[in-house]
Amino acid sequence: MSEEINKIKVTIDGITIEVNPGISIVEAARQIGGASVPPTMCYYSKLEGSGGRCRTCLVEVSKGSERDPRPMPKLVPACRTGVMDGMEVKVITSERVIQAVQGVTEFLLINHPLDCPICDQAGECKLQDLVYEHGLDKTRSEFPRKTFRSDDLGPYIKLNMNRCILCARCVLVANQLTDRRNHGILFRGDHAEISTYLNKAITNDFSGNMIDVCPVGALTDRTARFKSRVWFTEPVNATCKCGKCSGKAVLWMKGDEIVRVTARKDKYNEVEEFICNECRFERKDLKYWNIEGPAHISNHSVVSVNHYESSLPKDDPHYLTKKNKAKTIE
């Protein structure tokens, strides 16, 4: 019989909760939810070693702990700072934090191009959300933006290094999910970039998950590029029989056409179960899938503007017809 874990008390924006010791401030804030959850561009709870790169999750620790109540002199990254018993944290209640996130957002945009009108990630981009909340209407940088040529990382993935913020999520997912990695962060400092080694192609069976974990439009699906804006599609949960992965995915539909396939994500935009390339790129026909119903998308997302969920509930004949026509291939 396992011993009970002695929980500790943490206060975030005046809300006190009990959490397990050893977790980060971000995970504690996620138990509260709402605006008290710091934004994260590089942290990913399902990837070991993630976090600490983008600095968008900076918070103010106004009280270190019950034993040492002194405040931390500088803002700290919430994804890399563990909670302590009696700790008090300020997120949206701190003017220092708001100014710091604005500064970090401005820094991320120094080289990031303003190509949202042609970017496939528009409508799902976390940087877009961050800019909407904290961005400035102009830049103070006097230097020209760095530019890169787009590159094909194999038959399925397109790399636009211009948009990359070097969060390293794609490198971590390749390290931890695949048996070999052909890409990484090359060079150092302001010369750092994502690239493959000696122009090798990325062909691993689970390489498509790099697209799902990318918070911006640096890595996109070549089979779905420029086919449709995300808010013109209807995301539906579906399953198929697959020997490589769980077969649980989201189909982004336009009429009866599958525009693209992605893994299912939670409310923090993190993948619930990774899927294989065959399900993601090769199964673009309804005969492979059993439709479960509309996938839930946050009301804050532009995808929900078309009211697809309310107009197409699970018992809608449109979905039932699709489900009855779908013949799962073993």
Protein backbone atom coordinates (compact mmCIF):
# COMPACT_ATOMS: atom_id res chain seq x y z
CA MET A 1 0.00 0.00 0.00
CA SER A 2 1.51 3.32 -1.08
CA GLU A 3 2.07 6.01 1.51
CA GLU A 4 -0.05 9.14 1.38
CA ILE A 5 1.70 12.16 -0.08
CA ASN A 6 1.80 15.11 2.29
CA LYS A 7 0.45 17.98 0.21
CA ILE A 8 1.68 21.54 0.51
CA LYS A 9 -0.17 24.85 0.26
CA VAL A 10 0.59 27.31 -2.52
CA THR A 11 -1.11 30.66 -3.15
CA ILE A 12 -1.33 31.99 -6.72
CA ASP A 13 -2.98 35.36 -7.33
CA GLY A 14 -4.62 35.15 -3.93
CA ILE A 15 -6.05 31.64 -4.50
CA THR A 16 -4.72 28.98 -2.12
CA ILE A 17 -4.63 25.33 -3.19
CA GLU A 18 -3.03 22.12 -1.98
CA VAL A 19 -0.64 20.42 -4.40
CA ASN A 20 1.84 17.59 -4.43
CA PRO A 21 5.40 18.62 -3.54
CA GLY A 22 7.93 18.75 -6.37
CA ILE A 23 5.66 20.04 -9.12
CA SER A 24 6.36 23.29 -10.96
CA ILE A 25 4.50 26.57 -10.50
CA VAL A 26 2.96 26.11 -13.97
CA GLU A 27 1.44 22.77 -13.00
CA ALA A 28 0.14 24.24 -9.75
CA ALA A 29 -1.41 27.16 -11.64
CA ARG A 30 -3.07 24.75 -14.06
CA GLN A 31 -4.91 23.22 -11.13
CA ILE A 32 -6.46 26.64 -10.53
CA GLY A 33 -7.02 27.41 -14.21
CA GLY A 34 -8.18 30.62 -15.81
CA ALA A 35 -6.00 33.69 -16.30
CA SER A 36 -3.67 32.67 -13.47
CA VAL A 37 -2.06 30.05 -15.74
CA PRO A 38 1.15 31.55 -17.20
CA PRO A 39 1.50 31.31 -20.99
CA THR A 40 3.94 28.67 -22.21
CA MET A 41 5.61 28.53 -25.60
CA CYS A 42 8.36 25.97 -24.93
CA TYR A 43 7.14 24.02 -21.88
CA TYR A 44 5.35 20.75 -22.66
CA SER A 45 4.34 18.56 -19.72
CA LYS A 46 4.64 15.35 -21.76
CA LEU A 47 8.23 16.04 -22.88
CA GLU A 48 11.09 15.59 -20.42
CA GLY A 49 13.49 18.52 -20.30
CA SER A 50 11.11 21.01 -21.88
CA GLY A 51 10.80 24.57 -20.64
CA GLY A 52 13.15 27.36 -19.66
CA ARG A 53 13.77 28.67 -23.18
CA CYS A 54 11.07 31.18 -24.12
CA ARG A 55 10.58 33.00 -20.78
CA THR A 56 6.93 33.76 -21.46
CA CYS A 57 5.93 32.11 -18.17
CA LEU A 58 7.80 34.54 -15.88
CA VAL A 59 6.10 35.03 -12.49
CA GLU A 60 6.77 36.95 -9.31
CA VAL A 61 7.34 34.94 -6.12
CA SER A 62 6.37 37.36 -3.34
CA LYS A 63 6.93 34.77 -0.61
CA GLY A 64 9.40 31.92 -0.94
CA SER A 65 7.97 29.54 1.67
CA GLU A 66 6.86 29.30 5.29
CA ARG A 67 10.44 28.58 6.39
CA ASP A 68 11.92 31.38 4.31
CA PRO A 69 9.27 34.01 3.58
CA ARG A 70 11.65 36.32 1.72
CA PRO A 71 10.51 37.15 -1.82
CA MET A 72 12.63 36.09 -4.76
CA PRO A 73 14.45 39.20 -6.02
CA LYS A 74 13.93 38.47 -9.71
CA LEU A 75 11.09 37.09 -11.78
CA VAL A 76 11.41 33.33 -12.28
CA PRO A 77 10.25 30.96 -15.05
CA ALA A 78 7.21 29.15 -13.69
CA CYS A 79 7.93 26.02 -15.74
CA ARG A 80 11.36 25.53 -14.10
CA THR A 81 10.61 26.64 -10.54
CA GLY A 82 9.29 24.11 -8.06
CA VAL A 83 6.65 24.97 -5.48
CA MET A 84 7.38 25.24 -1.76
CA ASP A 85 5.05 25.00 1.22
CA GLY A 86 3.57 28.42 1.87
CA MET A 87 4.83 29.92 -1.41
CA GLU A 88 2.95 32.93 -2.74
CA VAL A 89 3.04 33.69 -6.48
CA LYS A 90 1.75 36.60 -8.54
CA VAL A 91 0.87 36.21 -12.21
CA ILE A 92 -1.85 38.57 -13.45
CA THR A 93 -1.77 40.57 -10.19
CA SER A 94 1.83 41.70 -10.75
CA GLU A 95 2.66 44.72 -12.89
CA ARG A 96 6.26 43.47 -13.14
CA VAL A 97 5.08 40.22 -14.68
CA ILE A 98 2.82 41.94 -17.22
CA GLN A 99 5.66 44.24 -18.32
CA ALA A 100 8.09 41.30 -18.52
CA VAL A 101 5.74 39.23 -20.71
CA GLN A 102 5.28 42.24 -22.98
CA GLY A 103 9.06 42.51 -23.29
CA VAL A 104 9.47 38.80 -24.02
CA THR A 105 6.72 38.98 -26.64
CA GLU A 106 8.48 41.91 -28.30
CA PHE A 107 11.73 39.92 -28.28
CA LEU A 108 10.08 36.89 -29.90
CA LEU A 109 8.77 39.13 -32.67
CA ILE A 110 12.14 40.70 -33.52
CA ASN A 111 12.74 38.14 -36.28
CA HIS A 112 9.30 36.57 -36.56
CA PRO A 113 7.66 37.69 -39.84
CA LEU A 114 4.16 39.14 -39.92
CA ASP A 115 2.88 36.54 -42.36
CA CYS A 116 -0.21 35.40 -40.45
CA PRO A 117 -2.35 35.98 -43.58
CA ILE A 118 -0.46 33.20 -45.41
CA CYS A 119 0.59 31.00 -42.48
CA ASP A 120 -1.17 27.65 -42.03
CA GLN A 121 -0.88 27.98 -38.26
CA ALA A 122 -3.04 31.12 -38.19
CA GLY A 123 -6.00 30.57 -35.89
CA GLU A 124 -4.16 27.97 -33.80
CA CYS A 125 -0.91 29.83 -33.12
CA LYS A 126 0.04 30.38 -29.48
CA LEU A 127 2.31 33.26 -30.44
CA GLN A 128 -0.66 34.89 -32.16
CA ASP A 129 -2.62 34.63 -28.91
CA LEU A 130 0.31 36.02 -26.92
CA VAL A 131 0.70 38.98 -29.27
CA TYR A 132 -3.03 39.71 -29.07
CA GLU A 133 -2.80 39.93 -25.27
CA HIS A 134 0.64 41.48 -24.76
CA GLY A 135 1.99 42.58 -28.14
CA LEU A 136 3.00 46.09 -29.17
CA ASP A 137 1.91 47.87 -32.34
CA LYS A 138 5.50 48.55 -33.42
CA THR A 139 9.04 47.30 -32.92
CA ARG A 140 12.01 49.16 -31.48
CA SER A 141 14.52 47.05 -33.40
CA GLU A 142 16.60 48.94 -35.97
CA PHE A 143 18.13 45.83 -37.49
CA PRO A 144 16.72 43.86 -40.44
CA ARG A 145 15.01 40.56 -39.68
CA LYS A 146 16.89 37.33 -40.21
CA THR A 147 15.52 35.41 -43.17
CA PHE A 148 15.77 31.76 -44.18
CA ARG A 149 14.62 29.80 -47.18
CA SER A 150 11.84 27.30 -46.52
CA ASP A 151 12.96 23.69 -46.51
CA ASP A 152 11.30 20.30 -47.00
CA LEU A 153 12.17 17.94 -44.15
CA GLY A 154 11.19 14.82 -46.02
CA PRO A 155 7.91 14.10 -47.85
CA TYR A 156 5.53 15.31 -45.12
CA ILE A 157 6.99 18.28 -43.23
CA LYS A 158 7.78 21.82 -44.37
CA LEU A 159 10.17 23.97 -42.29
CA ASN A 160 9.83 27.76 -42.32
CA MET A 161 12.76 28.73 -40.12
CA ASN A 162 11.71 32.41 -40.35
CA ARG A 163 8.87 31.63 -37.92
CA CYS A 164 10.81 29.42 -35.49
CA ILE A 165 11.26 30.65 -31.90
CA LEU A 166 13.73 27.85 -30.99
CA CYS A 167 11.50 26.30 -28.33
CA ALA A 168 13.14 22.92 -29.10
CA ARG A 169 9.89 20.98 -28.69
CA CYS A 170 10.37 19.27 -32.07
CA VAL A 171 13.86 18.15 -31.05
CA LEU A 172 12.62 16.77 -27.72
CA VAL A 173 9.70 14.88 -29.26
CA ALA A 174 12.05 13.34 -31.84
CA ASN A 175 14.46 12.32 -29.08
CA GLN A 176 11.82 10.80 -26.83
CA LEU A 177 9.32 9.36 -29.31
CA THR A 178 11.44 8.05 -32.16
CA ASP A 179 14.38 5.66 -32.35
CA ARG A 180 16.48 8.07 -34.37
CA ARG A 181 16.67 11.83 -34.82
CA ASN A 182 17.90 13.46 -38.01
CA HIS A 183 17.47 17.09 -37.00
CA GLY A 184 18.37 19.43 -34.19
CA ILE A 185 19.48 22.95 -33.26
CA LEU A 186 22.58 23.81 -35.24
CA PHE A 187 25.09 26.60 -34.41
CA ARG A 188 24.89 28.91 -31.40
CA GLY A 189 23.56 32.26 -30.24
CA ASP A 190 21.84 34.38 -32.87
CA HIS A 191 23.05 31.94 -35.56
CA ALA A 192 21.10 29.01 -34.05
CA GLU A 193 18.56 27.33 -36.32
CA ILE A 194 16.59 24.11 -36.69
CA SER A 195 17.85 21.93 -39.51
CA THR A 196 18.54 18.36 -40.52
CA TYR A 197 22.01 16.87 -40.48
CA LEU A 198 23.61 16.92 -43.95
CA ASN A 199 20.22 17.59 -45.55
CA LYS A 200 18.80 14.25 -44.45
CA ALA A 201 15.06 13.62 -44.75
CA ILE A 202 12.92 13.00 -41.67
CA THR A 203 11.09 9.74 -42.34
CA ASN A 204 10.42 8.23 -38.92
CA ASP A 205 6.92 6.77 -38.41
CA PHE A 206 6.11 9.29 -35.66
CA SER A 207 7.84 12.36 -37.10
CA GLY A 208 4.53 14.09 -37.84
CA ASN A 209 4.11 14.78 -34.13
CA MET A 210 6.74 17.49 -34.54
CA ILE A 211 4.02 19.50 -36.29
CA ASP A 212 1.57 19.09 -33.41
CA VAL A 213 4.01 20.24 -30.72
CA CYS A 214 5.25 23.28 -32.67
CA PRO A 215 3.61 26.37 -31.08
CA VAL A 216 4.04 28.52 -34.22
CA GLY A 217 3.94 27.92 -37.97
CA ALA A 218 7.57 26.82 -38.33
CA LEU A 219 6.65 23.17 -39.01
CA THR A 220 3.59 22.52 -41.16
CA ASP A 221 1.91 19.58 -42.90
CA ARG A 222 2.92 19.47 -46.58
CA THR A 223 -0.15 17.38 -47.43
CA ALA A 224 -2.48 20.12 -46.10
CA ARG A 225 -0.63 23.36 -46.85
CA PHE A 226 -2.82 26.19 -48.18
CA LYS A 227 -5.85 23.90 -48.59
CA SER A 228 -8.09 25.73 -46.14
CA ARG A 229 -8.12 28.18 -43.29
CA VAL A 230 -8.59 26.36 -40.01
CA TRP A 231 -11.77 28.29 -39.16
CA PHE A 232 -13.42 27.06 -42.36
CA THR A 233 -13.05 23.43 -41.28
CA GLU A 234 -14.94 21.29 -38.78
CA PRO A 235 -12.82 19.27 -36.33
CA VAL A 236 -14.31 15.88 -35.47
CA ASN A 237 -13.02 13.12 -33.21
CA ALA A 238 -12.48 9.84 -35.01
CA THR A 239 -10.79 6.47 -34.50
CA CYS A 240 -9.27 3.88 -36.77
CA LYS A 241 -7.63 0.49 -36.30
CA CYS A 242 -3.88 0.98 -36.30
CA GLY A 243 -1.09 -1.34 -35.21
CA LYS A 244 1.37 1.50 -34.56
CA CYS A 245 -0.60 3.97 -32.44
CA SER A 246 -3.92 4.35 -30.62
CA GLY A 247 -5.69 5.47 -33.80
CA LYS A 248 -7.41 8.31 -31.92
CA ALA A 249 -7.25 11.52 -33.92
CA VAL A 250 -9.03 14.70 -34.97
CA LEU A 251 -10.16 14.98 -38.58
CA TRP A 252 -10.41 18.53 -39.91
CA MET A 253 -13.28 18.28 -42.37
CA LYS A 254 -14.45 20.53 -45.18
CA GLY A 255 -17.69 18.96 -46.28
CA ASP A 256 -16.89 15.28 -46.78
CA GLU A 257 -13.20 15.97 -47.47
CA ILE A 258 -10.53 15.36 -44.83
CA VAL A 259 -8.22 18.38 -45.11
CA ARG A 260 -5.78 17.18 -42.45
CA VAL A 261 -5.44 14.83 -39.49
CA THR A 262 -3.97 15.79 -36.11
CA ALA A 263 -3.61 14.25 -32.68
CA ARG A 264 -6.17 15.08 -30.03
CA LYS A 265 -5.13 17.89 -27.69
CA ASP A 266 -6.11 18.98 -24.19
CA LYS A 267 -7.13 22.48 -23.10
CA TYR A 268 -3.48 23.50 -22.84
CA ASN A 269 -2.92 22.52 -26.48
CA GLU A 270 -0.82 19.50 -25.52
CA VAL A 271 -1.20 16.19 -27.36
CA GLU A 272 -3.13 13.55 -25.42
CA GLU A 273 -1.83 10.57 -27.43
CA PHE A 274 0.75 10.75 -30.21
CA ILE A 275 -0.27 9.25 -33.56
CA CYS A 276 1.74 7.69 -36.37
CA ASN A 277 2.45 9.10 -39.82
CA GLU A 278 0.19 6.59 -41.55
CA CYS A 279 -2.87 7.83 -39.63
CA ARG A 280 -1.82 11.45 -40.03
CA PHE A 281 -0.77 11.66 -43.67
CA GLU A 282 -1.98 8.56 -45.52
CA ARG A 283 -5.54 8.08 -44.25
CA LYS A 284 -7.33 11.00 -45.85
CA ASP A 285 -10.40 8.95 -46.78
CA LEU A 286 -13.48 8.50 -44.58
CA LYS A 287 -13.49 4.75 -45.22
CA TYR A 288 -10.61 4.40 -42.75
CA TRP A 289 -12.34 6.19 -39.88
CA ASN A 290 -15.20 5.82 -37.42
CA ILE A 291 -16.58 9.28 -36.64
CA GLU A 292 -17.35 9.89 -32.96
CA GLY A 293 -18.61 13.49 -33.13
CA PRO A 294 -17.44 17.10 -33.01
CA ALA A 295 -14.16 17.77 -31.22
CA HIS A 296 -14.41 20.42 -28.53
CA ILE A 297 -12.46 23.60 -29.24
CA SER A 298 -12.10 26.43 -26.71
CA ASN A 299 -14.58 29.27 -27.08
CA HIS A 300 -11.61 31.64 -27.19
CA SER A 301 -10.42 30.04 -30.43
CA VAL A 302 -11.35 31.48 -33.81
CA VAL A 303 -12.25 27.92 -34.87
CA SER A 304 -15.36 28.04 -32.67
CA VAL A 305 -16.67 31.12 -34.53
CA ASN A 306 -18.39 28.96 -37.15
CA HIS A 307 -20.43 27.29 -34.36
CA TYR A 308 -19.73 23.84 -35.81
CA GLU A 309 -20.29 22.18 -32.42
CA SER A 310 -23.79 23.52 -31.83
CA SER A 311 -24.87 23.05 -35.44
CA LEU A 312 -23.52 19.50 -35.66
CA PRO A 313 -24.09 17.66 -32.37
CA LYS A 314 -23.18 14.01 -31.95
CA ASP A 315 -26.66 12.79 -32.89
CA ASP A 316 -26.82 14.91 -36.04
CA PRO A 317 -27.77 12.88 -39.14
CA HIS A 318 -24.80 14.41 -40.99
CA TYR A 319 -22.38 12.66 -38.65
CA LEU A 320 -24.46 9.52 -38.31
CA THR A 321 -24.49 9.15 -42.08
CA LYS A 322 -20.72 9.50 -42.19
CA LYS A 323 -20.29 7.06 -39.35
CA ASN A 324 -22.52 4.45 -40.99
CA LYS A 325 -20.71 4.85 -44.32
CA ALA A 326 -17.27 4.56 -42.70
CA LYS A 327 -15.84 1.07 -43.00
CA THR A 328 -12.79 0.64 -40.83
CA ILE A 329 -9.96 -1.13 -42.66
CA GLU A 330 -8.02 -3.54 -40.51
